[in-house]
Amino acid sequence: YCPFDNFGRYNEDQIVKLTDEQLNQEAIRFVEKVKEQSAYYMHKELIYWFGCDFTFQKASINYNNLEPIMKKVNENKNFKVNVFYSTPT
């Protein structure tokens, strides 16, 4: 349930500063990985666990790192991906 690739760096309780171009690249990379993973499922929804054991000690930093990427993904309708926070229920 840990983040794929290097996305775990966003939940290491350190602020990650990205330029707009880097943010765009991260959004593209995130969508590529989500689409790759979703190919193994027969439904349109995918739960992506964004954490590991002993992570998210400073939730506000973690959210501040994730929010810009989520916003970029959701703004680009060509991605055809909608990212949002949720719980299993």
N, C-alpha and C. Protein backbone atom coordinates (compact mmCIF):
# COMPACT_ATOMS: atom_id res chain seq x y z
N TYR A 1 0.80 -1.19 0.00
CA TYR A 1 0.00 0.00 0.00
C TYR A 1 0.85 1.27 0.00
N CYS A 2 2.13 1.13 -0.18
CA CYS A 2 3.01 2.30 -0.24
C CYS A 2 2.92 2.94 -1.63
N PRO A 3 3.21 4.23 -1.72
CA PRO A 3 3.14 4.90 -3.02
C PRO A 3 4.10 4.28 -4.03
N PHE A 4 3.66 4.25 -5.29
CA PHE A 4 4.53 3.71 -6.33
C PHE A 4 5.59 4.72 -6.73
N ASP A 5 6.63 4.21 -7.36
CA ASP A 5 7.76 5.02 -7.83
C ASP A 5 8.29 5.90 -6.70
N ASN A 6 8.54 7.13 -7.01
CA ASN A 6 9.12 8.05 -6.05
C ASN A 6 8.07 8.95 -5.41
N PHE A 7 6.80 8.59 -5.50
CA PHE A 7 5.75 9.43 -4.95
C PHE A 7 5.74 9.42 -3.43
N GLY A 8 6.43 8.49 -2.81
CA GLY A 8 6.52 8.45 -1.37
C GLY A 8 7.21 9.66 -0.77
N ARG A 9 7.99 10.38 -1.57
CA ARG A 9 8.69 11.55 -1.05
C ARG A 9 7.71 12.65 -0.65
N TYR A 10 6.48 12.58 -1.12
CA TYR A 10 5.48 13.59 -0.76
C TYR A 10 4.89 13.36 0.62
N ASN A 11 5.16 12.22 1.22
CA ASN A 11 4.65 11.99 2.57
C ASN A 11 5.78 11.74 3.57
N GLU A 12 6.90 12.39 3.35
CA GLU A 12 8.03 12.26 4.27
C GLU A 12 8.12 13.42 5.25
N ASP A 13 7.04 14.15 5.40
CA ASP A 13 6.96 15.25 6.36
C ASP A 13 7.92 16.39 6.06
N GLN A 14 8.29 16.54 4.80
CA GLN A 14 9.11 17.66 4.36
C GLN A 14 8.41 18.33 3.20
N ILE A 15 8.43 19.64 3.18
CA ILE A 15 7.80 20.37 2.10
C ILE A 15 8.58 20.14 0.81
N VAL A 16 7.85 19.77 -0.24
CA VAL A 16 8.46 19.56 -1.56
C VAL A 16 8.06 20.74 -2.43
N LYS A 17 9.05 21.50 -2.86
CA LYS A 17 8.81 22.66 -3.71
C LYS A 17 9.02 22.25 -5.17
N LEU A 18 8.01 22.48 -6.00
CA LEU A 18 8.09 22.14 -7.41
C LEU A 18 7.80 23.38 -8.25
N THR A 19 8.54 23.51 -9.34
CA THR A 19 8.21 24.55 -10.31
C THR A 19 6.95 24.12 -11.03
N ASP A 20 6.35 25.02 -11.78
CA ASP A 20 5.14 24.67 -12.52
C ASP A 20 5.42 23.56 -13.52
N GLU A 21 6.57 23.62 -14.17
CA GLU A 21 6.92 22.57 -15.13
C GLU A 21 7.11 21.22 -14.42
N GLN A 22 7.77 21.22 -13.28
CA GLN A 22 7.94 19.98 -12.52
C GLN A 22 6.59 19.44 -12.05
N LEU A 23 5.72 20.34 -11.66
CA LEU A 23 4.38 19.94 -11.23
C LEU A 23 3.61 19.29 -12.38
N ASN A 24 3.71 19.87 -13.56
CA ASN A 24 3.07 19.27 -14.73
C ASN A 24 3.63 17.88 -15.01
N GLN A 25 4.94 17.73 -14.91
CA GLN A 25 5.57 16.43 -15.15
C GLN A 25 5.15 15.40 -14.11
N GLU A 26 5.04 15.82 -12.86
CA GLU A 26 4.59 14.91 -11.81
C GLU A 26 3.14 14.49 -12.04
N ALA A 27 2.31 15.41 -12.48
CA ALA A 27 0.91 15.07 -12.77
C ALA A 27 0.84 14.05 -13.90
N ILE A 28 1.62 14.28 -14.93
CA ILE A 28 1.65 13.34 -16.07
C ILE A 28 2.13 11.97 -15.60
N ARG A 29 3.20 11.96 -14.84
CA ARG A 29 3.76 10.69 -14.35
C ARG A 29 2.76 9.97 -13.44
N PHE A 30 2.06 10.72 -12.59
CA PHE A 30 1.06 10.12 -11.71
C PHE A 30 -0.05 9.47 -12.53
N VAL A 31 -0.56 10.19 -13.52
CA VAL A 31 -1.66 9.68 -14.35
C VAL A 31 -1.19 8.44 -15.12
N GLU A 32 0.01 8.46 -15.65
CA GLU A 32 0.53 7.28 -16.36
C GLU A 32 0.55 6.06 -15.45
N LYS A 33 1.02 6.24 -14.22
CA LYS A 33 1.08 5.12 -13.28
C LYS A 33 -0.31 4.64 -12.88
N VAL A 34 -1.23 5.57 -12.67
CA VAL A 34 -2.60 5.18 -12.31
C VAL A 34 -3.25 4.42 -13.45
N LYS A 35 -3.07 4.89 -14.68
CA LYS A 35 -3.65 4.19 -15.83
C LYS A 35 -3.01 2.82 -16.03
N GLU A 36 -1.72 2.73 -15.80
CA GLU A 36 -1.03 1.44 -15.89
C GLU A 36 -1.59 0.47 -14.86
N GLN A 37 -1.77 0.93 -13.65
CA GLN A 37 -2.31 0.07 -12.59
C GLN A 37 -3.77 -0.28 -12.84
N SER A 38 -4.54 0.67 -13.35
CA SER A 38 -5.97 0.42 -13.56
C SER A 38 -6.24 -0.60 -14.66
N ALA A 39 -5.27 -0.85 -15.51
CA ALA A 39 -5.44 -1.83 -16.57
C ALA A 39 -5.67 -3.24 -16.02
N TYR A 40 -5.35 -3.45 -14.77
CA TYR A 40 -5.51 -4.76 -14.15
C TYR A 40 -6.86 -4.94 -13.46
N TYR A 41 -7.73 -3.94 -13.57
CA TYR A 41 -9.03 -3.99 -12.91
C TYR A 41 -10.15 -3.84 -13.92
N MET A 42 -11.31 -4.39 -13.62
CA MET A 42 -12.42 -4.36 -14.56
C MET A 42 -13.40 -3.23 -14.26
N HIS A 43 -13.06 -2.34 -13.36
CA HIS A 43 -13.96 -1.23 -13.02
C HIS A 43 -13.23 0.09 -13.23
N LYS A 44 -13.95 1.18 -13.09
CA LYS A 44 -13.39 2.49 -13.40
C LYS A 44 -12.80 3.20 -12.19
N GLU A 45 -12.92 2.64 -11.02
CA GLU A 45 -12.40 3.29 -9.82
C GLU A 45 -11.22 2.51 -9.27
N LEU A 46 -10.25 3.27 -8.78
CA LEU A 46 -9.04 2.68 -8.24
C LEU A 46 -8.72 3.37 -6.92
N ILE A 47 -8.50 2.59 -5.90
CA ILE A 47 -8.08 3.15 -4.61
C ILE A 47 -6.57 3.16 -4.62
N TYR A 48 -6.03 4.32 -4.40
CA TYR A 48 -4.59 4.46 -4.35
C TYR A 48 -4.21 4.85 -2.92
N TRP A 49 -3.59 3.93 -2.23
CA TRP A 49 -3.18 4.18 -0.85
C TRP A 49 -1.93 5.06 -0.88
N PHE A 50 -2.00 6.21 -0.30
CA PHE A 50 -0.88 7.13 -0.35
C PHE A 50 -0.24 7.21 1.02
N GLY A 51 0.37 6.13 1.42
CA GLY A 51 1.05 6.11 2.71
C GLY A 51 1.71 4.77 2.93
N CYS A 52 2.49 4.70 3.95
CA CYS A 52 3.16 3.47 4.38
C CYS A 52 3.13 3.47 5.91
N ASP A 53 3.65 2.43 6.48
CA ASP A 53 3.75 2.41 7.94
C ASP A 53 4.59 3.58 8.42
N PHE A 54 4.13 4.21 9.46
CA PHE A 54 4.85 5.29 10.13
C PHE A 54 5.04 6.53 9.26
N THR A 55 4.14 6.77 8.33
CA THR A 55 4.19 7.99 7.54
C THR A 55 3.06 8.92 7.98
N PHE A 56 3.03 10.08 7.40
CA PHE A 56 2.00 11.07 7.69
C PHE A 56 2.03 11.51 9.15
N GLN A 57 3.19 11.81 9.63
CA GLN A 57 3.31 12.33 10.99
C GLN A 57 2.89 13.80 11.05
N LYS A 58 3.04 14.50 9.92
CA LYS A 58 2.68 15.92 9.84
C LYS A 58 1.71 16.09 8.68
N ALA A 59 0.45 15.83 8.96
CA ALA A 59 -0.57 15.76 7.91
C ALA A 59 -0.65 17.03 7.07
N SER A 60 -0.53 18.19 7.67
CA SER A 60 -0.67 19.43 6.90
C SER A 60 0.42 19.54 5.84
N ILE A 61 1.64 19.10 6.14
CA ILE A 61 2.71 19.12 5.15
C ILE A 61 2.40 18.12 4.05
N ASN A 62 1.96 16.94 4.42
CA ASN A 62 1.65 15.91 3.43
C ASN A 62 0.55 16.36 2.48
N TYR A 63 -0.50 16.95 3.02
CA TYR A 63 -1.59 17.45 2.19
C TYR A 63 -1.10 18.59 1.28
N ASN A 64 -0.28 19.47 1.82
CA ASN A 64 0.25 20.57 1.01
C ASN A 64 1.13 20.07 -0.13
N ASN A 65 1.78 18.94 0.05
CA ASN A 65 2.58 18.36 -1.02
C ASN A 65 1.71 17.70 -2.09
N LEU A 66 0.61 17.08 -1.67
CA LEU A 66 -0.25 16.36 -2.60
C LEU A 66 -1.25 17.25 -3.34
N GLU A 67 -1.74 18.26 -2.67
CA GLU A 67 -2.79 19.11 -3.25
C GLU A 67 -2.43 19.67 -4.64
N PRO A 68 -1.25 20.23 -4.85
CA PRO A 68 -0.95 20.78 -6.18
C PRO A 68 -0.96 19.72 -7.28
N ILE A 69 -0.50 18.53 -6.97
CA ILE A 69 -0.51 17.46 -7.98
C ILE A 69 -1.94 17.05 -8.28
N MET A 70 -2.73 16.88 -7.24
CA MET A 70 -4.13 16.51 -7.44
C MET A 70 -4.86 17.58 -8.26
N LYS A 71 -4.59 18.82 -7.97
CA LYS A 71 -5.23 19.92 -8.69
C LYS A 71 -4.85 19.90 -10.16
N LYS A 72 -3.57 19.69 -10.46
CA LYS A 72 -3.12 19.62 -11.86
C LYS A 72 -3.78 18.46 -12.60
N VAL A 73 -3.87 17.33 -11.94
CA VAL A 73 -4.50 16.17 -12.57
C VAL A 73 -5.97 16.46 -12.86
N ASN A 74 -6.68 17.00 -11.90
CA ASN A 74 -8.11 17.26 -12.07
C ASN A 74 -8.40 18.38 -13.06
N GLU A 75 -7.49 19.33 -13.20
CA GLU A 75 -7.68 20.43 -14.14
C GLU A 75 -7.54 20.00 -15.59
N ASN A 76 -6.74 18.98 -15.84
CA ASN A 76 -6.48 18.53 -17.20
C ASN A 76 -7.50 17.46 -17.59
N LYS A 77 -8.52 17.86 -18.30
CA LYS A 77 -9.60 16.93 -18.69
C LYS A 77 -9.11 15.88 -19.68
N ASN A 78 -7.99 16.14 -20.37
CA ASN A 78 -7.43 15.15 -21.29
C ASN A 78 -6.92 13.91 -20.57
N PHE A 79 -6.60 14.06 -19.30
CA PHE A 79 -6.15 12.90 -18.52
C PHE A 79 -7.28 11.90 -18.32
N LYS A 80 -8.51 12.38 -18.25
CA LYS A 80 -9.67 11.54 -17.97
C LYS A 80 -9.50 10.78 -16.64
N VAL A 81 -8.96 11.51 -15.66
CA VAL A 81 -8.74 10.96 -14.32
C VAL A 81 -9.22 12.01 -13.32
N ASN A 82 -9.93 11.56 -12.31
CA ASN A 82 -10.40 12.44 -11.25
C ASN A 82 -9.82 11.91 -9.94
N VAL A 83 -9.03 12.74 -9.27
CA VAL A 83 -8.37 12.35 -8.05
C VAL A 83 -9.05 13.06 -6.88
N PHE A 84 -9.36 12.31 -5.80
CA PHE A 84 -9.97 12.93 -4.64
C PHE A 84 -9.66 12.10 -3.41
N TYR A 85 -9.75 12.75 -2.26
CA TYR A 85 -9.56 12.06 -0.99
C TYR A 85 -10.82 11.26 -0.68
N SER A 86 -10.62 10.12 -0.05
CA SER A 86 -11.76 9.31 0.32
C SER A 86 -11.36 8.35 1.44
N THR A 87 -12.34 7.66 1.94
CA THR A 87 -12.11 6.58 2.89
C THR A 87 -12.73 5.32 2.30
N PRO A 88 -12.39 4.17 2.80
CA PRO A 88 -12.98 2.94 2.24
C PRO A 88 -14.51 2.91 2.30
N THR A 89 -15.10 3.63 3.22
CA THR A 89 -16.57 3.62 3.29
C THR A 89 -17.13 4.60 2.30
